[in-house]
Amino acid sequence: MNELGLSRESVRQLVEQIVTETVNKHMTTLETSGALARIVEDAFHRLYRDPKTGYANFKSLIQDAAMTTAKVFVSENVRISPNT
């Protein structure tokens, strides 16, 4: 227990929660501001040039996949070691 009465594990859990919430908030901001869409669209335009094959639908799928990937990455990789 520390001077606030919190165990090492409870501090670790609080820090992990704060980091996860902060990253999720940032990702949501990127998504709602359109920045994520612009990043994906810019990358997509560099790779894909044929607008006759369903570009809009494919672009939406790519954006959804990018956001899902980012959120899964954060949830799986933001961990605070109990030994720190």
N, C-alpha and C. Protein backbone atom coordinates (compact mmCIF):
# COMPACT_ATOMS: atom_id res chain seq x y z
N MET A 1 0.84 -1.19 0.00
CA MET A 1 0.00 0.00 0.00
C MET A 1 0.88 1.26 0.00
N ASN A 2 0.44 2.24 -0.75
CA ASN A 2 1.17 3.50 -0.73
C ASN A 2 0.50 4.46 0.26
N GLU A 3 0.98 5.71 0.27
CA GLU A 3 0.45 6.67 1.24
C GLU A 3 -1.01 7.03 0.99
N LEU A 4 -1.53 6.70 -0.19
CA LEU A 4 -2.94 6.94 -0.49
C LEU A 4 -3.80 5.73 -0.19
N GLY A 5 -3.17 4.65 0.26
CA GLY A 5 -3.91 3.43 0.57
C GLY A 5 -4.20 2.57 -0.65
N LEU A 6 -3.45 2.79 -1.72
CA LEU A 6 -3.65 2.01 -2.94
C LEU A 6 -2.56 0.95 -3.08
N SER A 7 -2.97 -0.22 -3.47
CA SER A 7 -2.00 -1.29 -3.69
C SER A 7 -1.32 -1.08 -5.04
N ARG A 8 -0.20 -1.75 -5.24
CA ARG A 8 0.52 -1.67 -6.51
C ARG A 8 -0.40 -2.10 -7.66
N GLU A 9 -1.18 -3.14 -7.44
CA GLU A 9 -2.09 -3.65 -8.49
C GLU A 9 -3.18 -2.63 -8.81
N SER A 10 -3.74 -1.98 -7.80
CA SER A 10 -4.80 -0.99 -8.07
C SER A 10 -4.22 0.22 -8.81
N VAL A 11 -3.00 0.62 -8.47
CA VAL A 11 -2.35 1.73 -9.19
C VAL A 11 -2.11 1.31 -10.64
N ARG A 12 -1.62 0.08 -10.85
CA ARG A 12 -1.37 -0.42 -12.20
C ARG A 12 -2.66 -0.41 -13.02
N GLN A 13 -3.76 -0.86 -12.41
CA GLN A 13 -5.04 -0.90 -13.12
C GLN A 13 -5.53 0.51 -13.45
N LEU A 14 -5.36 1.44 -12.52
CA LEU A 14 -5.78 2.82 -12.77
C LEU A 14 -4.97 3.44 -13.90
N VAL A 15 -3.66 3.21 -13.89
CA VAL A 15 -2.80 3.76 -14.95
C VAL A 15 -3.18 3.15 -16.30
N GLU A 16 -3.39 1.86 -16.33
CA GLU A 16 -3.79 1.19 -17.57
C GLU A 16 -5.11 1.75 -18.08
N GLN A 17 -6.05 1.97 -17.18
CA GLN A 17 -7.35 2.53 -17.57
C GLN A 17 -7.19 3.94 -18.13
N ILE A 18 -6.38 4.76 -17.48
CA ILE A 18 -6.16 6.14 -17.94
C ILE A 18 -5.51 6.16 -19.32
N VAL A 19 -4.48 5.33 -19.50
CA VAL A 19 -3.79 5.27 -20.79
C VAL A 19 -4.75 4.80 -21.88
N THR A 20 -5.50 3.76 -21.61
CA THR A 20 -6.44 3.23 -22.60
C THR A 20 -7.50 4.26 -22.95
N GLU A 21 -8.06 4.93 -21.96
CA GLU A 21 -9.08 5.95 -22.22
C GLU A 21 -8.50 7.11 -23.02
N THR A 22 -7.26 7.51 -22.70
CA THR A 22 -6.62 8.61 -23.42
C THR A 22 -6.38 8.25 -24.88
N VAL A 23 -5.87 7.06 -25.12
CA VAL A 23 -5.62 6.62 -26.50
C VAL A 23 -6.93 6.48 -27.26
N ASN A 24 -7.94 5.90 -26.62
CA ASN A 24 -9.24 5.77 -27.28
C ASN A 24 -9.84 7.13 -27.62
N LYS A 25 -9.68 8.09 -26.70
CA LYS A 25 -10.18 9.44 -26.95
C LYS A 25 -9.46 10.06 -28.15
N HIS A 26 -8.14 9.86 -28.21
CA HIS A 26 -7.36 10.39 -29.33
C HIS A 26 -7.79 9.72 -30.64
N MET A 27 -7.98 8.41 -30.62
CA MET A 27 -8.41 7.70 -31.83
C MET A 27 -9.80 8.17 -32.25
N THR A 28 -10.69 8.39 -31.29
CA THR A 28 -12.03 8.88 -31.61
C THR A 28 -11.95 10.27 -32.22
N THR A 29 -11.07 11.11 -31.67
CA THR A 29 -10.87 12.45 -32.22
C THR A 29 -10.37 12.37 -33.66
N LEU A 30 -9.41 11.48 -33.90
CA LEU A 30 -8.91 11.29 -35.26
C LEU A 30 -10.03 10.86 -36.20
N GLU A 31 -10.88 9.97 -35.70
CA GLU A 31 -11.97 9.45 -36.52
C GLU A 31 -13.02 10.53 -36.79
N THR A 32 -13.47 11.22 -35.74
CA THR A 32 -14.56 12.19 -35.90
C THR A 32 -14.11 13.46 -36.61
N SER A 33 -12.84 13.81 -36.49
CA SER A 33 -12.35 15.01 -37.16
C SER A 33 -12.12 14.78 -38.65
N GLY A 34 -12.11 13.51 -39.03
CA GLY A 34 -11.86 13.19 -40.42
C GLY A 34 -10.39 12.98 -40.73
N ALA A 35 -9.52 13.17 -39.74
CA ALA A 35 -8.08 13.01 -39.97
C ALA A 35 -7.73 11.58 -40.36
N LEU A 36 -8.34 10.62 -39.69
CA LEU A 36 -8.06 9.22 -40.02
C LEU A 36 -8.50 8.91 -41.45
N ALA A 37 -9.66 9.41 -41.82
CA ALA A 37 -10.15 9.19 -43.19
C ALA A 37 -9.21 9.81 -44.21
N ARG A 38 -8.70 11.02 -43.91
CA ARG A 38 -7.78 11.67 -44.84
C ARG A 38 -6.47 10.89 -44.96
N ILE A 39 -5.97 10.40 -43.84
CA ILE A 39 -4.73 9.61 -43.86
C ILE A 39 -4.93 8.36 -44.71
N VAL A 40 -6.03 7.66 -44.46
CA VAL A 40 -6.31 6.43 -45.21
C VAL A 40 -6.55 6.75 -46.68
N GLU A 41 -7.30 7.81 -46.94
CA GLU A 41 -7.60 8.16 -48.32
C GLU A 41 -6.34 8.55 -49.08
N ASP A 42 -5.46 9.32 -48.45
CA ASP A 42 -4.21 9.69 -49.10
C ASP A 42 -3.38 8.46 -49.44
N ALA A 43 -3.27 7.55 -48.48
CA ALA A 43 -2.52 6.31 -48.73
C ALA A 43 -3.20 5.49 -49.82
N PHE A 44 -4.52 5.44 -49.77
CA PHE A 44 -5.27 4.66 -50.76
C PHE A 44 -5.08 5.22 -52.16
N HIS A 45 -5.11 6.55 -52.29
CA HIS A 45 -4.93 7.17 -53.61
C HIS A 45 -3.55 6.87 -54.19
N ARG A 46 -2.56 6.74 -53.33
CA ARG A 46 -1.22 6.41 -53.81
C ARG A 46 -1.17 4.98 -54.35
N LEU A 47 -2.04 4.11 -53.84
CA LEU A 47 -1.99 2.70 -54.22
C LEU A 47 -3.02 2.30 -55.26
N TYR A 48 -4.15 2.97 -55.27
CA TYR A 48 -5.30 2.52 -56.05
C TYR A 48 -5.75 3.62 -57.00
N ARG A 49 -5.77 3.35 -58.27
CA ARG A 49 -6.06 4.40 -59.26
C ARG A 49 -7.33 4.19 -60.08
N ASP A 50 -8.01 3.05 -59.98
CA ASP A 50 -9.15 2.76 -60.85
C ASP A 50 -10.48 3.05 -60.15
N PRO A 51 -11.13 4.20 -60.44
CA PRO A 51 -12.38 4.57 -59.77
C PRO A 51 -13.60 3.77 -60.24
N LYS A 52 -13.45 2.90 -61.23
CA LYS A 52 -14.59 2.16 -61.78
C LYS A 52 -14.89 0.87 -61.03
N THR A 53 -14.14 0.54 -60.01
CA THR A 53 -14.32 -0.76 -59.36
C THR A 53 -14.79 -0.63 -57.91
N GLY A 54 -15.66 0.30 -57.65
CA GLY A 54 -16.25 0.41 -56.32
C GLY A 54 -15.35 1.08 -55.30
N TYR A 55 -14.70 2.17 -55.70
CA TYR A 55 -13.77 2.87 -54.82
C TYR A 55 -14.40 3.29 -53.50
N ALA A 56 -15.60 3.87 -53.55
CA ALA A 56 -16.22 4.40 -52.33
C ALA A 56 -16.48 3.29 -51.31
N ASN A 57 -17.02 2.17 -51.75
CA ASN A 57 -17.27 1.07 -50.83
C ASN A 57 -15.98 0.49 -50.28
N PHE A 58 -15.00 0.35 -51.15
CA PHE A 58 -13.72 -0.21 -50.72
C PHE A 58 -13.03 0.73 -49.74
N LYS A 59 -13.11 2.04 -50.01
CA LYS A 59 -12.50 3.03 -49.12
C LYS A 59 -13.12 2.95 -47.74
N SER A 60 -14.43 2.79 -47.67
CA SER A 60 -15.12 2.68 -46.39
C SER A 60 -14.66 1.43 -45.63
N LEU A 61 -14.51 0.33 -46.34
CA LEU A 61 -14.02 -0.90 -45.71
C LEU A 61 -12.61 -0.71 -45.16
N ILE A 62 -11.76 -0.04 -45.92
CA ILE A 62 -10.38 0.21 -45.49
C ILE A 62 -10.37 1.09 -44.24
N GLN A 63 -11.20 2.13 -44.22
CA GLN A 63 -11.27 3.02 -43.06
C GLN A 63 -11.74 2.26 -41.83
N ASP A 64 -12.78 1.46 -41.99
CA ASP A 64 -13.28 0.67 -40.86
C ASP A 64 -12.22 -0.30 -40.36
N ALA A 65 -11.52 -0.93 -41.29
CA ALA A 65 -10.47 -1.88 -40.90
C ALA A 65 -9.34 -1.17 -40.18
N ALA A 66 -8.97 0.02 -40.63
CA ALA A 66 -7.89 0.77 -39.99
C ALA A 66 -8.27 1.15 -38.56
N MET A 67 -9.49 1.62 -38.37
CA MET A 67 -9.93 2.02 -37.03
C MET A 67 -10.03 0.82 -36.11
N THR A 68 -10.58 -0.27 -36.60
CA THR A 68 -10.68 -1.48 -35.79
C THR A 68 -9.30 -1.99 -35.41
N THR A 69 -8.39 -1.99 -36.37
CA THR A 69 -7.02 -2.44 -36.11
C THR A 69 -6.36 -1.58 -35.04
N ALA A 70 -6.52 -0.27 -35.15
CA ALA A 70 -5.92 0.62 -34.16
C ALA A 70 -6.48 0.37 -32.77
N LYS A 71 -7.79 0.22 -32.67
CA LYS A 71 -8.41 -0.01 -31.36
C LYS A 71 -8.00 -1.35 -30.77
N VAL A 72 -7.93 -2.39 -31.60
CA VAL A 72 -7.50 -3.70 -31.11
C VAL A 72 -6.05 -3.64 -30.68
N PHE A 73 -5.22 -2.96 -31.46
CA PHE A 73 -3.81 -2.84 -31.11
C PHE A 73 -3.65 -2.18 -29.74
N VAL A 74 -4.39 -1.10 -29.51
CA VAL A 74 -4.31 -0.41 -28.23
C VAL A 74 -4.78 -1.31 -27.10
N SER A 75 -5.91 -1.96 -27.29
CA SER A 75 -6.45 -2.79 -26.21
C SER A 75 -5.55 -3.98 -25.89
N GLU A 76 -4.82 -4.48 -26.90
CA GLU A 76 -3.96 -5.64 -26.67
C GLU A 76 -2.55 -5.27 -26.22
N ASN A 77 -2.13 -4.04 -26.49
CA ASN A 77 -0.74 -3.69 -26.25
C ASN A 77 -0.50 -2.65 -25.16
N VAL A 78 -1.55 -2.02 -24.68
CA VAL A 78 -1.37 -1.06 -23.60
C VAL A 78 -1.53 -1.83 -22.30
N ARG A 79 -0.43 -2.26 -21.78
CA ARG A 79 -0.40 -3.00 -20.52
C ARG A 79 0.68 -2.42 -19.64
N ILE A 80 0.38 -2.29 -18.39
CA ILE A 80 1.35 -1.81 -17.42
C ILE A 80 1.81 -3.03 -16.63
N SER A 81 3.10 -3.27 -16.66
CA SER A 81 3.64 -4.44 -15.98
C SER A 81 3.43 -4.34 -14.48
N PRO A 82 2.97 -5.41 -13.83
CA PRO A 82 2.77 -5.37 -12.39
C PRO A 82 4.08 -5.27 -11.61
N ASN A 83 5.20 -5.44 -12.28
CA ASN A 83 6.50 -5.37 -11.61
C ASN A 83 7.15 -4.01 -11.71
N THR A 84 6.46 -3.03 -12.30
CA THR A 84 7.06 -1.71 -12.44
C THR A 84 6.69 -0.83 -11.30
